[in-house]
């Protein structure tokens, strides 16, 4: 494999700096995490905002991606063969976060290998293993538990029955599983590498940004409290007090007139 020359490396950096990024943002959705990340990366981007229609994403998003869900990001670069070239379309939060960090903000990912163990199986740092784990855990294990609720989606005449069923499911399944997740996260924060304040160590990573949505929503609904999970509550408060998080919220206020949260 040929070595990358200095000129080639500079050209790659220039191409990435000149990339045109567009975020397709939907109210009350996971897309706010991507806006926060773009704010932290300090890269130019265009923002297109959408309102929900009967709690669903509008059909216009299907013009960007067949599934019509948010977040969506498109990226085009000067290397495109023509101005009309189809841009790269990114869907799924964790994939978008990893792609943007790979190209525009590697500082938001921990070093992968321990010194002298590069490329070895098991040579990864604890911080990197946590980073990759939480990139998937946020949507794979935590969100389904938080979202498992059938009360509000039931027809009116079936809602009393739904409430009875949901109450039993919550008491025997959902609440215990959520409690296990929150206990786990409380311990993870207590054992963060280098006594860090974040899940992967001393610095904010893309994994923390990914976790901000399910945990912020859970805390706002009092699914965990300071009494039993003090570190977890403090962690969410710390994320939401960060300058980049607040700037991302303010951006929506400027564009939409208000920000309703999660």
C-alpha atoms as a PDB file:
ATOM      1  CA  UNK A   1       0.000   0.000   0.000  1.00  0.00           C
ATOM      2  CA  UNK A   2       1.447   3.353  -1.002  1.00  0.00           C
ATOM      3  CA  UNK A   3       2.084   5.880   1.702  1.00  0.00           C
ATOM      4  CA  UNK A   4      -0.105   8.992   1.751  1.00  0.00           C
ATOM      5  CA  UNK A   5       1.987  12.013   0.826  1.00  0.00           C
ATOM      6  CA  UNK A   6       1.796  15.361   2.565  1.00  0.00           C
ATOM      7  CA  UNK A   7       0.114  16.878  -0.463  1.00  0.00           C
ATOM      8  CA  UNK A   8      -2.531  14.166  -0.556  1.00  0.00           C
ATOM      9  CA  UNK A   9      -3.171  14.577   3.150  1.00  0.00           C
ATOM     10  CA  UNK A  10      -3.607  18.338   2.758  1.00  0.00           C
ATOM     11  CA  UNK A  11      -5.964  17.812  -0.187  1.00  0.00           C
ATOM     12  CA  UNK A  12      -8.074  15.420   1.917  1.00  0.00           C
ATOM     13  CA  UNK A  13      -8.262  17.996   4.717  1.00  0.00           C
ATOM     14  CA  UNK A  14      -9.263  20.704   2.231  1.00  0.00           C
ATOM     15  CA  UNK A  15     -11.984  18.485   0.740  1.00  0.00           C
ATOM     16  CA  UNK A  16     -13.418  17.792   4.185  1.00  0.00           C
ATOM     17  CA  UNK A  17     -13.240  21.447   5.177  1.00  0.00           C
ATOM     18  CA  UNK A  18     -15.140  22.375   2.005  1.00  0.00           C
ATOM     19  CA  UNK A  19     -17.768  19.668   2.426  1.00  0.00           C
ATOM     20  CA  UNK A  20     -21.350  20.876   2.379  1.00  0.00           C
ATOM     21  CA  UNK A  21     -23.276  19.317   5.256  1.00  0.00           C
ATOM     22  CA  UNK A  22     -27.043  19.497   5.599  1.00  0.00           C
ATOM     23  CA  UNK A  23     -28.930  18.292   8.660  1.00  0.00           C
ATOM     24  CA  UNK A  24     -32.609  17.437   8.287  1.00  0.00           C
ATOM     25  CA  UNK A  25     -33.931  18.128  11.784  1.00  0.00           C
ATOM     26  CA  UNK A  26     -37.299  16.969  13.143  1.00  0.00           C
ATOM     27  CA  UNK A  27     -38.895  18.357  16.289  1.00  0.00           C
ATOM     28  CA  UNK A  28     -38.855  16.130  19.383  1.00  0.00           C
ATOM     29  CA  UNK A  29     -36.487  13.659  17.785  1.00  0.00           C
ATOM     30  CA  UNK A  30     -33.027  12.166  17.954  1.00  0.00           C
ATOM     31  CA  UNK A  31     -31.845  14.744  15.413  1.00  0.00           C
ATOM     32  CA  UNK A  32     -31.078  17.214  18.216  1.00  0.00           C
ATOM     33  CA  UNK A  33     -28.039  15.077  19.081  1.00  0.00           C
ATOM     34  CA  UNK A  34     -26.656  15.573  15.582  1.00  0.00           C
ATOM     35  CA  UNK A  35     -27.169  19.322  15.832  1.00  0.00           C
ATOM     36  CA  UNK A  36     -25.269  19.297  19.117  1.00  0.00           C
ATOM     37  CA  UNK A  37     -22.426  17.316  17.553  1.00  0.00           C
ATOM     38  CA  UNK A  38     -22.201  19.678  14.569  1.00  0.00           C
ATOM     39  CA  UNK A  39     -22.036  22.569  17.026  1.00  0.00           C
ATOM     40  CA  UNK A  40     -19.175  20.896  18.905  1.00  0.00           C
ATOM     41  CA  UNK A  41     -17.357  20.116  15.635  1.00  0.00           C
ATOM     42  CA  UNK A  42     -17.610  23.783  14.642  1.00  0.00           C
ATOM     43  CA  UNK A  43     -18.092  22.954  10.960  1.00  0.00           C
ATOM     44  CA  UNK A  44     -20.368  24.868   8.564  1.00  0.00           C
ATOM     45  CA  UNK A  45     -23.717  23.197   7.918  1.00  0.00           C
ATOM     46  CA  UNK A  46     -27.169  23.943   6.564  1.00  0.00           C
ATOM     47  CA  UNK A  47     -30.210  23.200   8.689  1.00  0.00           C
ATOM     48  CA  UNK A  48     -33.617  22.191   7.388  1.00  0.00           C
ATOM     49  CA  UNK A  49     -36.309  21.811  10.035  1.00  0.00           C
ATOM     50  CA  UNK A  50     -39.558  19.849   9.955  1.00  0.00           C
ATOM     51  CA  UNK A  51     -42.694  19.626  12.102  1.00  0.00           C
ATOM     52  CA  UNK A  52     -44.351  16.358  13.046  1.00  0.00           C
ATOM     53  CA  UNK A  53     -47.723  15.514  11.547  1.00  0.00           C
ATOM     54  CA  UNK A  54     -49.895  13.566  14.015  1.00  0.00           C
ATOM     55  CA  UNK A  55     -46.669  12.596  15.815  1.00  0.00           C
ATOM     56  CA  UNK A  56     -45.194  11.166  12.607  1.00  0.00           C
ATOM     57  CA  UNK A  57     -42.374  12.549  10.499  1.00  0.00           C
ATOM     58  CA  UNK A  58     -43.621  14.454   7.427  1.00  0.00           C
ATOM     59  CA  UNK A  59     -43.598  12.650   4.051  1.00  0.00           C
ATOM     60  CA  UNK A  60     -41.083  15.159   2.671  1.00  0.00           C
ATOM     61  CA  UNK A  61     -38.304  13.309   4.478  1.00  0.00           C
ATOM     62  CA  UNK A  62     -38.869  10.322   2.187  1.00  0.00           C
ATOM     63  CA  UNK A  63     -37.505  12.476  -0.604  1.00  0.00           C
ATOM     64  CA  UNK A  64     -34.153  12.342   1.215  1.00  0.00           C
ATOM     65  CA  UNK A  65     -34.216   8.713   2.402  1.00  0.00           C
ATOM     66  CA  UNK A  66     -36.774   5.971   1.645  1.00  0.00           C
ATOM     67  CA  UNK A  67     -37.611   5.391   5.321  1.00  0.00           C
ATOM     68  CA  UNK A  68     -38.434   9.070   5.845  1.00  0.00           C
ATOM     69  CA  UNK A  69     -37.083   9.277   9.375  1.00  0.00           C
ATOM     70  CA  UNK A  70     -34.913  11.832  11.152  1.00  0.00           C
ATOM     71  CA  UNK A  71     -32.050  12.434  11.707  1.00  0.00           C
ATOM     72  CA  UNK A  72     -30.748  12.541   8.173  1.00  0.00           C
ATOM     73  CA  UNK A  73     -27.552  14.162   6.977  1.00  0.00           C
ATOM     74  CA  UNK A  74     -26.368  14.767   3.432  1.00  0.00           C
ATOM     75  CA  UNK A  75     -22.761  15.563   2.534  1.00  0.00           C
ATOM     76  CA  UNK A  76     -21.387  16.751  -0.778  1.00  0.00           C
ATOM     77  CA  UNK A  77     -17.798  17.766  -1.509  1.00  0.00           C
ATOM     78  CA  UNK A  78     -15.905  19.642  -4.254  1.00  0.00           C
ATOM     79  CA  UNK A  79     -14.688  16.257  -5.480  1.00  0.00           C
ATOM     80  CA  UNK A  80     -18.177  15.443  -6.756  1.00  0.00           C
ATOM     81  CA  UNK A  81     -18.029  14.985 -10.517  1.00  0.00           C
ATOM     82  CA  UNK A  82     -20.740  17.566 -11.122  1.00  0.00           C
ATOM     83  CA  UNK A  83     -22.700  20.100  -9.151  1.00  0.00           C
ATOM     84  CA  UNK A  84     -25.794  17.978  -9.608  1.00  0.00           C
ATOM     85  CA  UNK A  85     -24.113  14.840  -8.245  1.00  0.00           C
ATOM     86  CA  UNK A  86     -26.167  12.938  -5.683  1.00  0.00           C
ATOM     87  CA  UNK A  87     -24.764  13.690  -2.198  1.00  0.00           C
ATOM     88  CA  UNK A  88     -23.873  11.091   0.390  1.00  0.00           C
ATOM     89  CA  UNK A  89     -26.948  10.387   2.541  1.00  0.00           C
ATOM     90  CA  UNK A  90     -26.436   9.295   6.140  1.00  0.00           C
ATOM     91  CA  UNK A  91     -29.206   7.790   8.283  1.00  0.00           C
ATOM     92  CA  UNK A  92     -29.282   6.246  11.776  1.00  0.00           C
ATOM     93  CA  UNK A  93     -27.959   8.323  14.654  1.00  0.00           C
ATOM     94  CA  UNK A  94     -24.956   6.227  15.671  1.00  0.00           C
ATOM     95  CA  UNK A  95     -23.765   5.866  12.071  1.00  0.00           C
ATOM     96  CA  UNK A  96     -24.092   9.622  11.517  1.00  0.00           C
ATOM     97  CA  UNK A  97     -22.203  10.383  14.732  1.00  0.00           C
ATOM     98  CA  UNK A  98     -19.386   7.939  13.940  1.00  0.00           C
ATOM     99  CA  UNK A  99     -19.058   9.173  10.348  1.00  0.00           C
ATOM    100  CA  UNK A 100     -18.926  12.849  11.330  1.00  0.00           C
ATOM    101  CA  UNK A 101     -16.395  12.162  14.079  1.00  0.00           C
ATOM    102  CA  UNK A 102     -14.212  10.056  11.764  1.00  0.00           C
ATOM    103  CA  UNK A 103     -13.972  12.874   9.221  1.00  0.00           C
ATOM    104  CA  UNK A 104     -14.429  16.108  11.157  1.00  0.00           C
ATOM    105  CA  UNK A 105     -13.740  15.502  14.851  1.00  0.00           C
ATOM    106  CA  UNK A 106     -11.533  12.546  15.821  1.00  0.00           C
ATOM    107  CA  UNK A 107     -10.951  14.247  19.181  1.00  0.00           C
ATOM    108  CA  UNK A 108     -14.460  13.077  20.153  1.00  0.00           C
ATOM    109  CA  UNK A 109     -13.369   9.425  20.007  1.00  0.00           C
ATOM    110  CA  UNK A 110     -10.879   7.924  22.513  1.00  0.00           C
ATOM    111  CA  UNK A 111      -7.578   6.462  21.359  1.00  0.00           C
ATOM    112  CA  UNK A 112      -8.259   2.922  20.209  1.00  0.00           C
ATOM    113  CA  UNK A 113      -5.171   0.984  21.282  1.00  0.00           C
ATOM    114  CA  UNK A 114      -2.928   0.821  24.284  1.00  0.00           C
ATOM    115  CA  UNK A 115       0.638   1.830  23.469  1.00  0.00           C
ATOM    116  CA  UNK A 116       2.504  -1.107  21.950  1.00  0.00           C
ATOM    117  CA  UNK A 117      -0.699  -3.111  21.334  1.00  0.00           C
ATOM    118  CA  UNK A 118      -1.743  -1.549  18.052  1.00  0.00           C
ATOM    119  CA  UNK A 119      -3.812  -3.925  15.924  1.00  0.00           C
ATOM    120  CA  UNK A 120      -3.926  -6.654  18.558  1.00  0.00           C
ATOM    121  CA  UNK A 121      -7.116  -8.399  19.579  1.00  0.00           C
ATOM    122  CA  UNK A 122      -7.781  -7.216  23.123  1.00  0.00           C
ATOM    123  CA  UNK A 123      -5.311  -4.353  22.758  1.00  0.00           C
ATOM    124  CA  UNK A 124      -8.013  -1.697  22.843  1.00  0.00           C
ATOM    125  CA  UNK A 125      -8.218   0.901  25.605  1.00  0.00           C
ATOM    126  CA  UNK A 126     -11.083   0.692  28.090  1.00  0.00           C
ATOM    127  CA  UNK A 127     -12.205   4.152  26.982  1.00  0.00           C
ATOM    128  CA  UNK A 128     -12.484   3.063  23.327  1.00  0.00           C
ATOM    129  CA  UNK A 129     -14.340  -0.153  24.189  1.00  0.00           C
ATOM    130  CA  UNK A 130     -16.818   1.868  26.212  1.00  0.00           C
ATOM    131  CA  UNK A 131     -17.130   4.381  23.365  1.00  0.00           C
ATOM    132  CA  UNK A 132     -18.038   1.735  20.797  1.00  0.00           C
ATOM    133  CA  UNK A 133     -20.326  -0.031  23.240  1.00  0.00           C
ATOM    134  CA  UNK A 134     -22.361   3.055  24.137  1.00  0.00           C
ATOM    135  CA  UNK A 135     -22.672   4.104  20.508  1.00  0.00           C
ATOM    136  CA  UNK A 136     -24.810   0.969  20.082  1.00  0.00           C
ATOM    137  CA  UNK A 137     -26.253   0.614  23.594  1.00  0.00           C
ATOM    138  CA  UNK A 138     -28.021   3.987  23.392  1.00  0.00           C
ATOM    139  CA  UNK A 139     -30.325   2.726  20.642  1.00  0.00           C
ATOM    140  CA  UNK A 140     -29.978  -1.033  21.045  1.00  0.00           C
ATOM    141  CA  UNK A 141     -30.641  -1.704  24.734  1.00  0.00           C
ATOM    142  CA  UNK A 142     -31.818   1.502  26.375  1.00  0.00           C
ATOM    143  CA  UNK A 143     -34.239   3.131  23.925  1.00  0.00           C
ATOM    144  CA  UNK A 144     -36.535   0.085  23.414  1.00  0.00           C
ATOM    145  CA  UNK A 145     -36.995  -0.207  27.184  1.00  0.00           C
ATOM    146  CA  UNK A 146     -37.803   3.491  27.528  1.00  0.00           C
ATOM    147  CA  UNK A 147     -40.192   3.533  24.579  1.00  0.00           C
ATOM    148  CA  UNK A 148     -42.168   0.397  25.463  1.00  0.00           C
ATOM    149  CA  UNK A 149     -45.464   2.081  26.264  1.00  0.00           C
ATOM    150  CA  UNK A 150     -48.832   1.197  24.703  1.00  0.00           C
ATOM    151  CA  UNK A 151     -51.111   3.552  26.670  1.00  0.00           C
ATOM    152  CA  UNK A 152     -51.028   6.583  24.371  1.00  0.00           C
ATOM    153  CA  UNK A 153     -51.262   4.613  21.112  1.00  0.00           C
ATOM    154  CA  UNK A 154     -54.436   2.709  22.005  1.00  0.00           C
ATOM    155  CA  UNK A 155     -57.884   3.715  20.636  1.00  0.00           C
ATOM    156  CA  UNK A 156     -59.949   5.606  23.184  1.00  0.00           C
ATOM    157  CA  UNK A 157     -62.465   2.794  23.782  1.00  0.00           C
ATOM    158  CA  UNK A 158     -59.627   0.316  24.446  1.00  0.00           C
ATOM    159  CA  UNK A 159     -57.569   2.641  26.641  1.00  0.00           C
ATOM    160  CA  UNK A 160     -58.911   1.384  30.022  1.00  0.00           C
ATOM    161  CA  UNK A 161     -57.909  -2.167  29.041  1.00  0.00           C
ATOM    162  CA  UNK A 162     -54.593  -0.887  27.737  1.00  0.00           C
ATOM    163  CA  UNK A 163     -53.957   0.854  31.041  1.00  0.00           C
ATOM    164  CA  UNK A 164     -54.555  -2.377  32.942  1.00  0.00           C
ATOM    165  CA  UNK A 165     -52.268  -4.344  30.619  1.00  0.00           C
ATOM    166  CA  UNK A 166     -49.590  -1.677  30.641  1.00  0.00           C
ATOM    167  CA  UNK A 167     -49.702  -1.406  34.417  1.00  0.00           C
ATOM    168  CA  UNK A 168     -48.966  -5.106  34.733  1.00  0.00           C
ATOM    169  CA  UNK A 169     -46.256  -4.991  32.089  1.00  0.00           C
ATOM    170  CA  UNK A 170     -44.636  -1.951  33.719  1.00  0.00           C
ATOM    171  CA  UNK A 171     -44.612  -3.465  37.194  1.00  0.00           C
ATOM    172  CA  UNK A 172     -43.343  -6.899  36.164  1.00  0.00           C
ATOM    173  CA  UNK A 173     -41.130  -6.134  33.176  1.00  0.00           C
ATOM    174  CA  UNK A 174     -40.485  -2.549  32.112  1.00  0.00           C
ATOM    175  CA  UNK A 175     -39.713  -0.904  35.429  1.00  0.00           C
ATOM    176  CA  UNK A 176     -37.350  -3.661  36.639  1.00  0.00           C
ATOM    177  CA  UNK A 177     -35.489  -3.646  33.315  1.00  0.00           C
ATOM    178  CA  UNK A 178     -35.198   0.128  33.306  1.00  0.00           C
ATOM    179  CA  UNK A 179     -33.975   0.055  36.904  1.00  0.00           C
ATOM    180  CA  UNK A 180     -31.296  -2.485  35.921  1.00  0.00           C
ATOM    181  CA  UNK A 181     -30.141  -0.193  33.121  1.00  0.00           C
ATOM    182  CA  UNK A 182     -29.986   2.840  35.381  1.00  0.00           C
ATOM    183  CA  UNK A 183     -28.135   0.890  38.093  1.00  0.00           C
ATOM    184  CA  UNK A 184     -25.661  -0.265  35.459  1.00  0.00           C
ATOM    185  CA  UNK A 185     -25.070   3.275  34.219  1.00  0.00           C
ATOM    186  CA  UNK A 186     -24.672   4.590  37.758  1.00  0.00           C
ATOM    187  CA  UNK A 187     -21.877   2.034  38.285  1.00  0.00           C
ATOM    188  CA  UNK A 188     -20.300   2.844  34.907  1.00  0.00           C
ATOM    189  CA  UNK A 189     -20.071   6.513  35.823  1.00  0.00           C
ATOM    190  CA  UNK A 190     -18.574   5.606  39.198  1.00  0.00           C
ATOM    191  CA  UNK A 191     -15.867   3.571  37.435  1.00  0.00           C
ATOM    192  CA  UNK A 192     -15.187   5.861  34.480  1.00  0.00           C
ATOM    193  CA  UNK A 193     -11.563   5.605  33.216  1.00  0.00           C
ATOM    194  CA  UNK A 194      -9.167   8.087  34.833  1.00  0.00           C
ATOM    195  CA  UNK A 195     -11.902   9.079  37.302  1.00  0.00           C
ATOM    196  CA  UNK A 196     -13.598  10.906  34.446  1.00  0.00           C
ATOM    197  CA  UNK A 197     -16.913  12.725  34.547  1.00  0.00           C
ATOM    198  CA  UNK A 198     -18.153  11.080  31.354  1.00  0.00           C
ATOM    199  CA  UNK A 199     -18.943   7.494  30.430  1.00  0.00           C
ATOM    200  CA  UNK A 200     -15.672   6.982  28.562  1.00  0.00           C
ATOM    201  CA  UNK A 201     -13.334   9.041  30.715  1.00  0.00           C
ATOM    202  CA  UNK A 202     -12.386  12.647  31.302  1.00  0.00           C
ATOM    203  CA  UNK A 203     -13.507  14.009  27.932  1.00  0.00           C
ATOM    204  CA  UNK A 204     -16.815  14.327  26.111  1.00  0.00           C
ATOM    205  CA  UNK A 205     -17.177  11.758  23.317  1.00  0.00           C
ATOM    206  CA  UNK A 206     -19.695  10.928  20.638  1.00  0.00           C
ATOM    207  CA  UNK A 207     -21.008   8.214  22.953  1.00  0.00           C
ATOM    208  CA  UNK A 208     -22.029  10.816  25.540  1.00  0.00           C
ATOM    209  CA  UNK A 209     -23.832  12.766  22.836  1.00  0.00           C
ATOM    210  CA  UNK A 210     -25.632   9.574  21.792  1.00  0.00           C
ATOM    211  CA  UNK A 211     -26.639   8.852  25.388  1.00  0.00           C
ATOM    212  CA  UNK A 212     -27.944  12.373  25.971  1.00  0.00           C
ATOM    213  CA  UNK A 213     -31.265  11.691  24.208  1.00  0.00           C
ATOM    214  CA  UNK A 214     -32.549   8.577  26.013  1.00  0.00           C
ATOM    215  CA  UNK A 215     -31.197   9.698  29.376  1.00  0.00           C
ATOM    216  CA  UNK A 216     -32.461  13.258  29.045  1.00  0.00           C
ATOM    217  CA  UNK A 217     -35.905  11.968  28.125  1.00  0.00           C
ATOM    218  CA  UNK A 218     -35.876   9.432  30.970  1.00  0.00           C
ATOM    219  CA  UNK A 219     -34.804  12.014  33.548  1.00  0.00           C
ATOM    220  CA  UNK A 220     -37.436  14.519  32.407  1.00  0.00           C
ATOM    221  CA  UNK A 221     -40.058  11.801  32.992  1.00  0.00           C
ATOM    222  CA  UNK A 222     -38.627  10.942  36.422  1.00  0.00           C
ATOM    223  CA  UNK A 223     -37.787   7.386  35.372  1.00  0.00           C
ATOM    224  CA  UNK A 224     -34.721   7.764  37.583  1.00  0.00           C
ATOM    225  CA  UNK A 225     -34.127  10.222  40.412  1.00  0.00           C
ATOM    226  CA  UNK A 226     -31.252  11.757  42.331  1.00  0.00           C
ATOM    227  CA  UNK A 227     -32.065   9.721  45.431  1.00  0.00           C
ATOM    228  CA  UNK A 228     -31.208   6.366  43.850  1.00  0.00           C
ATOM    229  CA  UNK A 229     -29.039   7.474  40.924  1.00  0.00           C
ATOM    230  CA  UNK A 230     -27.163  10.647  41.946  1.00  0.00           C
ATOM    231  CA  UNK A 231     -24.266  10.217  39.523  1.00  0.00           C
ATOM    232  CA  UNK A 232     -26.594   9.561  36.612  1.00  0.00           C
ATOM    233  CA  UNK A 233     -28.677  12.646  37.383  1.00  0.00           C
ATOM    234  CA  UNK A 234     -25.540  14.773  37.728  1.00  0.00           C
ATOM    235  CA  UNK A 235     -24.239  13.382  34.428  1.00  0.00           C
ATOM    236  CA  UNK A 236     -27.389  14.377  32.524  1.00  0.00           C
ATOM    237  CA  UNK A 237     -27.343  17.820  34.145  1.00  0.00           C
ATOM    238  CA  UNK A 238     -23.682  18.193  33.178  1.00  0.00           C
ATOM    239  CA  UNK A 239     -24.363  17.294  29.538  1.00  0.00           C
ATOM    240  CA  UNK A 240     -27.296  19.672  29.261  1.00  0.00           C
ATOM    241  CA  UNK A 241     -25.286  22.503  30.833  1.00  0.00           C
ATOM    242  CA  UNK A 242     -22.516  22.231  28.249  1.00  0.00           C
ATOM    243  CA  UNK A 243     -22.015  25.211  25.978  1.00  0.00           C
ATOM    244  CA  UNK A 244     -22.447  23.163  22.789  1.00  0.00           C
ATOM    245  CA  UNK A 245     -25.708  21.620  24.022  1.00  0.00           C
ATOM    246  CA  UNK A 246     -27.104  25.040  24.904  1.00  0.00           C
ATOM    247  CA  UNK A 247     -26.013  26.544  21.594  1.00  0.00           C
ATOM    248  CA  UNK A 248     -27.767  23.739  19.716  1.00  0.00           C
ATOM    249  CA  UNK A 249     -30.972  24.448  21.650  1.00  0.00           C
ATOM    250  CA  UNK A 250     -30.625  28.171  21.004  1.00  0.00           C
ATOM    251  CA  UNK A 251     -30.174  27.487  17.283  1.00  0.00           C
ATOM    252  CA  UNK A 252     -33.590  25.829  17.186  1.00  0.00           C
ATOM    253  CA  UNK A 253     -35.129  28.688  19.163  1.00  0.00           C
ATOM    254  CA  UNK A 254     -33.753  31.123  16.582  1.00  0.00           C
ATOM    255  CA  UNK A 255     -35.052  29.090  13.647  1.00  0.00           C
ATOM    256  CA  UNK A 256     -38.327  27.714  15.029  1.00  0.00           C
ATOM    257  CA  UNK A 257     -39.178  30.278  17.682  1.00  0.00           C
ATOM    258  CA  UNK A 258     -39.104  27.725  20.506  1.00  0.00           C
ATOM    259  CA  UNK A 259     -37.616  24.405  21.585  1.00  0.00           C
ATOM    260  CA  UNK A 260     -39.949  21.899  23.195  1.00  0.00           C
ATOM    261  CA  UNK A 261     -37.312  19.418  24.301  1.00  0.00           C
ATOM    262  CA  UNK A 262     -37.479  15.644  24.043  1.00  0.00           C
END
